[in-house]
Amino acid sequence: MGKFTVPDKVLFICTGSKCAKRGGKDMYKLAHKFAKHAKDDIEVFRIECTDRCDYAPVCTISPGNTWLKEYSPKEVLKLLED
């Protein structure tokens, strides 16, 4: 069994149709750039649909299992910095 490194933080961003239209796609691009230059080891994943379209855009940050709805990019980046 192989081993691999585990990131300090993981950000899952929904880029399904409603979330993408409401900023999810742009948030993914921004967070991906942010993660490259962050002091912590952060991985950003694009996911298709969380089935929470009424709250679009939606993302989640681990550890802590923090879910954000109708977020602004500023909110997400602040949580990643903390």
Protein backbone atom coordinates (compact mmCIF):
# COMPACT_ATOMS: atom_id res chain seq x y z
CA MET A 1 0.00 0.00 0.00
CA GLY A 2 1.43 3.36 -1.06
CA LYS A 3 1.51 6.55 0.97
CA PHE A 4 0.90 10.09 -0.15
CA THR A 5 0.90 13.50 1.47
CA VAL A 6 -2.34 14.88 2.82
CA PRO A 7 -3.00 18.61 2.27
CA ASP A 8 -3.58 20.95 5.20
CA LYS A 9 -6.82 22.23 3.67
CA VAL A 10 -9.13 21.07 0.91
CA LEU A 11 -11.62 23.25 -0.92
CA PHE A 12 -14.41 21.65 -2.95
CA ILE A 13 -16.16 24.09 -5.28
CA CYS A 14 -19.37 23.18 -7.05
CA THR A 15 -19.23 24.07 -10.74
CA GLY A 16 -22.57 22.55 -11.70
CA SER A 17 -24.79 24.62 -13.99
CA LYS A 18 -26.37 26.98 -11.42
CA CYS A 19 -23.23 27.34 -9.29
CA ALA A 20 -21.06 27.99 -12.35
CA LYS A 21 -23.42 30.75 -13.53
CA ARG A 22 -23.45 32.34 -10.08
CA GLY A 23 -19.67 32.47 -9.63
CA GLY A 24 -18.54 28.91 -8.94
CA LYS A 25 -16.47 28.63 -12.09
CA ASP A 26 -14.69 31.95 -11.47
CA MET A 27 -14.17 31.01 -7.81
CA TYR A 28 -12.50 27.76 -8.87
CA LYS A 29 -10.04 29.63 -11.08
CA LEU A 30 -9.30 32.21 -8.38
CA ALA A 31 -8.88 29.62 -5.60
CA HIS A 32 -6.64 27.47 -7.79
CA LYS A 33 -4.29 30.45 -8.33
CA PHE A 34 -4.45 31.33 -4.62
CA ALA A 35 -3.54 27.77 -3.60
CA LYS A 36 -0.35 27.83 -5.69
CA HIS A 37 1.02 30.74 -3.65
CA ALA A 38 -0.46 29.98 -0.21
CA LYS A 39 1.74 29.23 2.79
CA ASP A 40 -0.41 26.19 3.68
CA ASP A 41 -0.73 23.15 1.46
CA ILE A 42 -4.16 23.69 -0.09
CA GLU A 43 -5.85 21.54 -2.72
CA VAL A 44 -8.77 22.82 -4.76
CA PHE A 45 -11.24 20.44 -6.39
CA ARG A 46 -14.01 21.17 -8.84
CA ILE A 47 -17.13 19.08 -8.24
CA GLU A 48 -20.15 18.79 -10.50
CA CYS A 49 -23.19 19.12 -8.28
CA THR A 50 -23.98 19.11 -4.57
CA ASP A 51 -27.73 19.11 -5.22
CA ARG A 52 -28.07 22.39 -3.31
CA CYS A 53 -28.89 24.55 -6.33
CA ASP A 54 -31.22 26.85 -4.35
CA TYR A 55 -28.15 28.11 -2.44
CA ALA A 56 -25.77 28.49 -5.40
CA PRO A 57 -22.87 28.95 -5.44
CA VAL A 58 -21.86 26.32 -2.89
CA CYS A 59 -18.45 25.18 -1.63
CA THR A 60 -17.01 23.29 1.31
CA ILE A 61 -13.71 23.59 3.17
CA SER A 62 -12.06 20.82 5.15
CA PRO A 63 -10.92 20.33 7.83
CA GLY A 64 -13.91 21.52 9.75
CA ASN A 65 -16.49 20.52 7.15
CA THR A 66 -17.46 24.18 6.63
CA TRP A 67 -20.12 24.69 3.97
CA LEU A 68 -20.63 28.09 2.35
CA LYS A 69 -23.65 29.14 0.34
CA GLU A 70 -24.11 32.27 -1.74
CA TYR A 71 -20.53 33.18 -0.84
CA SER A 72 -18.27 35.91 -2.09
CA PRO A 73 -14.73 35.07 -3.21
CA LYS A 74 -13.44 37.28 -0.38
CA GLU A 75 -15.14 35.07 2.24
CA VAL A 76 -13.65 31.88 0.81
CA LEU A 77 -10.11 33.24 0.55
CA LYS A 78 -10.29 34.60 4.11
CA LEU A 79 -11.24 31.15 5.44
CA LEU A 80 -8.38 29.58 3.49
CA GLU A 81 -5.91 32.07 4.98
CA ASP A 82 -7.02 31.45 8.59
